[in-house]
N, C-alpha and C. Protein backbone atom coordinates (compact mmCIF):
# COMPACT_ATOMS: atom_id res chain seq x y z
N MET A 1 118.55 85.76 77.79
CA MET A 1 117.94 86.95 77.23
C MET A 1 119.02 87.71 76.44
N GLY A 2 118.68 88.06 75.22
CA GLY A 2 119.63 88.73 74.35
C GLY A 2 119.72 90.23 74.61
N LYS A 3 120.64 90.84 73.93
CA LYS A 3 120.88 92.27 74.09
C LYS A 3 119.66 93.09 73.65
N LYS A 4 119.07 92.70 72.52
CA LYS A 4 117.91 93.42 72.01
C LYS A 4 116.71 93.32 72.96
N GLU A 5 116.54 92.15 73.56
CA GLU A 5 115.43 91.97 74.51
C GLU A 5 115.62 92.85 75.75
N LYS A 6 116.88 92.94 76.23
CA LYS A 6 117.17 93.79 77.38
C LYS A 6 116.90 95.26 77.06
N GLU A 7 117.32 95.68 75.85
CA GLU A 7 117.07 97.07 75.44
C GLU A 7 115.58 97.35 75.34
N ALA A 8 114.81 96.39 74.83
CA ALA A 8 113.36 96.56 74.71
C ALA A 8 112.72 96.68 76.09
N LEU A 9 113.18 95.88 77.05
CA LEU A 9 112.66 95.98 78.42
C LEU A 9 113.00 97.32 79.05
N ALA A 10 114.21 97.80 78.80
CA ALA A 10 114.63 99.08 79.35
C ALA A 10 113.76 100.20 78.78
N ARG A 11 113.48 100.16 77.46
CA ARG A 11 112.61 101.17 76.85
C ARG A 11 111.20 101.11 77.43
N GLN A 12 110.70 99.90 77.65
CA GLN A 12 109.36 99.73 78.20
C GLN A 12 109.28 100.29 79.61
N GLU A 13 110.34 100.12 80.40
CA GLU A 13 110.37 100.67 81.76
C GLU A 13 110.33 102.19 81.74
N VAL A 14 111.03 102.78 80.79
CA VAL A 14 111.04 104.25 80.68
C VAL A 14 109.64 104.74 80.32
N ILE A 15 108.98 104.03 79.42
CA ILE A 15 107.63 104.43 79.01
C ILE A 15 106.65 104.28 80.17
N ASN A 16 106.79 103.21 80.93
CA ASN A 16 105.86 102.92 82.02
C ASN A 16 106.21 103.63 83.32
N GLU A 17 107.32 104.36 83.33
CA GLU A 17 107.74 104.98 84.58
C GLU A 17 106.67 105.96 85.08
N GLU A 18 106.45 105.91 86.35
CA GLU A 18 105.44 106.77 86.95
C GLU A 18 106.08 108.09 87.34
N ILE A 19 105.36 109.16 87.10
CA ILE A 19 105.91 110.48 87.38
C ILE A 19 105.78 110.75 88.87
N SER A 20 106.92 110.94 89.51
CA SER A 20 106.88 111.25 90.93
C SER A 20 107.01 112.75 91.16
N ARG A 21 107.89 113.40 90.39
CA ARG A 21 108.08 114.84 90.53
C ARG A 21 108.28 115.45 89.15
N VAL A 22 107.65 116.57 88.95
CA VAL A 22 107.82 117.32 87.71
C VAL A 22 108.35 118.69 88.10
N LYS A 23 109.41 119.10 87.44
CA LYS A 23 110.02 120.39 87.73
C LYS A 23 109.11 121.50 87.22
N LEU A 24 108.70 122.39 88.10
CA LEU A 24 107.81 123.50 87.75
C LEU A 24 108.59 124.81 87.74
N PRO A 25 108.11 125.80 86.97
CA PRO A 25 108.81 127.09 86.93
C PRO A 25 108.78 127.79 88.28
N ARG A 26 109.92 128.33 88.70
CA ARG A 26 110.02 129.08 89.95
C ARG A 26 110.51 130.48 89.65
N GLY A 27 110.05 131.44 90.41
CA GLY A 27 110.52 132.81 90.25
C GLY A 27 110.20 133.35 88.87
N ASN A 28 111.24 133.76 88.15
CA ASN A 28 111.00 134.32 86.82
C ASN A 28 111.21 133.30 85.70
N GLN A 29 111.33 132.02 86.02
CA GLN A 29 111.46 130.98 85.00
C GLN A 29 110.16 130.85 84.23
N SER A 30 110.26 130.36 83.00
CA SER A 30 109.09 130.23 82.14
C SER A 30 109.19 128.96 81.31
N LEU A 31 108.04 128.40 80.97
CA LEU A 31 107.99 127.27 80.04
C LEU A 31 108.05 127.80 78.62
N GLY A 32 108.64 127.03 77.72
CA GLY A 32 108.73 127.47 76.34
C GLY A 32 108.87 126.30 75.38
N VAL A 33 108.62 126.58 74.10
CA VAL A 33 108.73 125.58 73.05
C VAL A 33 109.86 126.01 72.12
N VAL A 34 110.75 125.08 71.78
CA VAL A 34 111.87 125.38 70.89
C VAL A 34 111.33 125.56 69.48
N ASP A 35 111.56 126.76 68.92
CA ASP A 35 111.13 127.04 67.54
C ASP A 35 112.17 126.62 66.52
N ALA A 36 113.44 126.99 66.77
CA ALA A 36 114.48 126.69 65.79
C ALA A 36 115.83 126.53 66.49
N ARG A 37 116.64 125.62 65.97
CA ARG A 37 118.01 125.48 66.43
C ARG A 37 118.86 126.45 65.62
N LEU A 38 119.73 127.20 66.28
CA LEU A 38 120.54 128.20 65.61
C LEU A 38 122.00 127.81 65.52
N GLY A 39 122.38 126.71 66.14
CA GLY A 39 123.77 126.27 66.13
C GLY A 39 124.52 126.78 67.34
N ALA A 40 125.64 126.15 67.65
CA ALA A 40 126.49 126.53 68.79
C ALA A 40 125.71 126.50 70.10
N SER A 41 124.89 125.47 70.29
CA SER A 41 124.07 125.25 71.48
C SER A 41 123.11 126.40 71.77
N ARG A 42 122.70 127.11 70.72
CA ARG A 42 121.73 128.19 70.87
C ARG A 42 120.46 127.83 70.10
N MET A 43 119.34 128.39 70.55
CA MET A 43 118.06 128.12 69.90
C MET A 43 117.08 129.26 70.16
N ARG A 44 116.08 129.36 69.30
CA ARG A 44 115.02 130.34 69.48
C ARG A 44 113.87 129.63 70.19
N VAL A 45 113.45 130.19 71.35
CA VAL A 45 112.41 129.56 72.17
C VAL A 45 111.26 130.54 72.32
N ARG A 46 110.04 130.05 72.05
CA ARG A 46 108.82 130.84 72.25
C ARG A 46 108.28 130.51 73.64
N CYS A 47 108.38 131.48 74.55
CA CYS A 47 108.02 131.25 75.95
C CYS A 47 106.54 131.55 76.19
N LEU A 48 106.01 131.01 77.29
CA LEU A 48 104.61 131.21 77.63
C LEU A 48 104.33 132.61 78.17
N ASP A 49 105.37 133.38 78.50
CA ASP A 49 105.16 134.76 78.92
C ASP A 49 105.12 135.70 77.72
N GLU A 50 104.83 135.12 76.54
CA GLU A 50 104.63 135.83 75.27
C GLU A 50 105.87 136.56 74.80
N LYS A 51 107.05 136.01 75.06
CA LYS A 51 108.30 136.58 74.58
C LYS A 51 109.07 135.49 73.85
N THR A 52 109.79 135.89 72.81
CA THR A 52 110.65 134.97 72.10
C THR A 52 112.08 135.28 72.50
N ARG A 53 112.79 134.27 73.00
CA ARG A 53 114.14 134.48 73.49
C ARG A 53 115.13 133.62 72.71
N ILE A 54 116.35 134.13 72.58
CA ILE A 54 117.46 133.34 72.08
C ILE A 54 118.08 132.69 73.31
N CYS A 55 117.98 131.38 73.41
CA CYS A 55 118.43 130.67 74.61
C CYS A 55 119.63 129.79 74.27
N ARG A 56 120.43 129.53 75.26
CA ARG A 56 121.58 128.66 75.10
C ARG A 56 121.53 127.56 76.14
N ILE A 57 122.25 126.50 75.88
CA ILE A 57 122.39 125.42 76.86
C ILE A 57 123.67 125.71 77.63
N PRO A 58 123.60 125.87 78.94
CA PRO A 58 124.81 126.17 79.72
C PRO A 58 125.84 125.04 79.60
N GLY A 59 127.11 125.38 79.83
CA GLY A 59 128.20 124.43 79.68
C GLY A 59 128.05 123.18 80.52
N ARG A 60 127.49 123.31 81.72
CA ARG A 60 127.35 122.14 82.60
C ARG A 60 126.33 121.14 82.07
N LEU A 61 125.45 121.57 81.14
CA LEU A 61 124.41 120.69 80.61
C LEU A 61 124.62 120.32 79.15
N LYS A 62 125.67 120.83 78.50
CA LYS A 62 125.84 120.66 77.05
C LYS A 62 125.82 119.20 76.62
N ARG A 63 126.48 118.33 77.33
CA ARG A 63 126.54 116.93 76.91
C ARG A 63 125.37 116.11 77.44
N LYS A 64 124.64 116.61 78.41
CA LYS A 64 123.54 115.87 79.02
C LYS A 64 122.19 116.19 78.41
N LEU A 65 122.04 117.41 77.89
CA LEU A 65 120.73 117.89 77.45
C LEU A 65 120.69 117.99 75.93
N TRP A 66 119.90 117.14 75.29
CA TRP A 66 119.75 117.15 73.85
C TRP A 66 118.35 117.66 73.51
N VAL A 67 118.30 118.75 72.78
CA VAL A 67 117.03 119.43 72.51
C VAL A 67 116.79 119.50 71.01
N ARG A 68 115.54 119.26 70.63
CA ARG A 68 115.12 119.36 69.23
C ARG A 68 114.02 120.41 69.09
N GLU A 69 113.70 120.74 67.86
CA GLU A 69 112.60 121.67 67.61
C GLU A 69 111.30 121.02 68.08
N GLY A 70 110.46 121.81 68.73
CA GLY A 70 109.18 121.32 69.22
C GLY A 70 109.21 120.80 70.64
N ASP A 71 110.38 120.71 71.26
CA ASP A 71 110.49 120.23 72.64
C ASP A 71 110.02 121.30 73.62
N LEU A 72 109.42 120.86 74.72
CA LEU A 72 109.01 121.76 75.80
C LEU A 72 110.16 121.86 76.79
N VAL A 73 110.59 123.10 77.07
CA VAL A 73 111.75 123.31 77.94
C VAL A 73 111.42 124.35 79.01
N LEU A 74 112.24 124.37 80.05
CA LEU A 74 112.16 125.35 81.11
C LEU A 74 113.27 126.37 80.88
N VAL A 75 112.90 127.66 80.79
CA VAL A 75 113.83 128.72 80.44
C VAL A 75 114.06 129.63 81.65
N GLN A 76 115.33 129.91 81.92
CA GLN A 76 115.72 130.86 82.96
C GLN A 76 116.22 132.12 82.25
N PRO A 77 115.44 133.23 82.27
CA PRO A 77 115.90 134.47 81.60
C PRO A 77 117.14 135.02 82.28
N TRP A 78 117.98 135.68 81.49
CA TRP A 78 119.17 136.31 82.02
C TRP A 78 118.79 137.54 82.83
N GLU A 79 119.63 137.92 83.78
CA GLU A 79 119.39 139.14 84.55
C GLU A 79 119.52 140.36 83.65
N PHE A 80 120.50 140.32 82.75
CA PHE A 80 120.72 141.40 81.80
C PHE A 80 120.18 140.97 80.46
N GLU A 81 119.35 141.76 79.82
CA GLU A 81 118.66 141.41 78.56
C GLU A 81 117.77 140.20 78.74
N GLY A 82 117.06 140.11 79.85
CA GLY A 82 116.22 138.96 80.16
C GLY A 82 115.04 138.78 79.23
N ASP A 83 114.59 139.87 78.55
CA ASP A 83 113.47 139.74 77.63
C ASP A 83 113.90 139.15 76.29
N ALA A 84 115.20 139.17 76.00
CA ALA A 84 115.67 138.69 74.71
C ALA A 84 116.52 137.42 74.80
N LYS A 85 117.11 137.14 75.99
CA LYS A 85 118.02 136.01 76.10
C LYS A 85 117.76 135.21 77.36
N GLY A 86 118.18 133.94 77.34
CA GLY A 86 117.99 133.09 78.50
C GLY A 86 118.75 131.78 78.37
N ASP A 87 118.64 130.95 79.40
CA ASP A 87 119.28 129.64 79.44
C ASP A 87 118.21 128.55 79.49
N VAL A 88 118.44 127.45 78.78
CA VAL A 88 117.56 126.29 78.87
C VAL A 88 118.05 125.47 80.07
N VAL A 89 117.17 125.30 81.05
CA VAL A 89 117.54 124.64 82.29
C VAL A 89 117.11 123.18 82.32
N PHE A 90 115.99 122.85 81.65
CA PHE A 90 115.42 121.51 81.77
C PHE A 90 114.58 121.21 80.53
N LYS A 91 114.58 119.95 80.10
CA LYS A 91 113.73 119.50 79.00
C LYS A 91 112.72 118.50 79.55
N TYR A 92 111.45 118.68 79.22
CA TYR A 92 110.39 117.81 79.71
C TYR A 92 110.21 116.59 78.81
N ARG A 93 109.94 115.45 79.44
CA ARG A 93 109.64 114.21 78.73
C ARG A 93 108.15 114.19 78.39
N PRO A 94 107.74 113.33 77.43
CA PRO A 94 106.33 113.28 77.04
C PRO A 94 105.38 112.98 78.20
N SER A 95 105.75 112.10 79.12
CA SER A 95 104.87 111.80 80.24
C SER A 95 104.73 113.01 81.17
N GLN A 96 105.80 113.79 81.31
CA GLN A 96 105.74 115.00 82.13
C GLN A 96 104.89 116.06 81.46
N ILE A 97 104.94 116.14 80.13
CA ILE A 97 104.11 117.10 79.39
C ILE A 97 102.64 116.76 79.59
N ASP A 98 102.29 115.47 79.54
CA ASP A 98 100.90 115.06 79.78
C ASP A 98 100.45 115.47 81.17
N TRP A 99 101.32 115.30 82.18
CA TRP A 99 100.98 115.68 83.55
C TRP A 99 100.75 117.19 83.64
N LEU A 100 101.62 117.98 82.99
CA LEU A 100 101.46 119.45 83.01
C LEU A 100 100.16 119.87 82.34
N LYS A 101 99.78 119.17 81.26
CA LYS A 101 98.51 119.48 80.59
C LYS A 101 97.33 119.18 81.50
N LYS A 102 97.38 118.03 82.20
CA LYS A 102 96.28 117.66 83.09
C LYS A 102 96.12 118.65 84.23
N LYS A 103 97.24 119.16 84.74
CA LYS A 103 97.20 120.09 85.87
C LYS A 103 96.94 121.53 85.44
N GLY A 104 96.93 121.83 84.13
CA GLY A 104 96.57 123.14 83.64
C GLY A 104 97.71 124.14 83.51
N TYR A 105 98.94 123.67 83.53
CA TYR A 105 100.08 124.57 83.40
C TYR A 105 100.31 125.01 81.95
N LEU A 106 99.73 124.29 81.00
CA LEU A 106 99.96 124.59 79.59
C LEU A 106 98.73 125.18 78.90
N LYS A 107 97.86 125.84 79.65
CA LYS A 107 96.66 126.45 79.06
C LYS A 107 97.03 127.51 78.03
N LYS A 108 98.01 128.37 78.35
CA LYS A 108 98.42 129.43 77.42
C LYS A 108 98.99 128.84 76.14
N LEU A 109 99.71 127.74 76.27
CA LEU A 109 100.31 127.09 75.11
C LEU A 109 99.22 126.56 74.17
N GLU A 110 98.17 126.01 74.72
CA GLU A 110 97.08 125.48 73.89
C GLU A 110 96.32 126.61 73.21
N ASP A 111 96.26 127.79 73.85
CA ASP A 111 95.62 128.93 73.22
C ASP A 111 96.43 129.45 72.05
N ILE A 112 97.77 129.46 72.20
CA ILE A 112 98.63 129.97 71.15
C ILE A 112 98.65 129.03 69.95
N GLU A 113 98.90 127.77 70.21
CA GLU A 113 99.03 126.79 69.14
C GLU A 113 98.79 125.40 69.71
N GLU A 114 98.18 124.55 68.93
CA GLU A 114 97.96 123.18 69.39
C GLU A 114 99.29 122.47 69.52
N PHE A 115 99.54 121.86 70.68
CA PHE A 115 100.85 121.24 70.94
C PHE A 115 100.76 119.75 70.75
């Protein structure tokens, strides 16, 4: 089996992976959609609590978490200036987004804009 065949199998396994656990918002965390990348690991995120925050990727996640415009993320608002700023804690995969839609966690998002 060649290298390309192994890579194709690995991609297929990721696609077929069954969702065992999906990280849900706890406490004051909120789901949000990345509107724009601003540079320096910062981005504008439109959250489901109807606030737009300037969010950053914390240092411990900078190399692990790659975020693009349109991605669904979990936002942890800051204690100080929490309505305007926050941290991106987690990025959802497409299969996890489908699960959240089925369970009704993204109803507000569908009302705001078709995702």
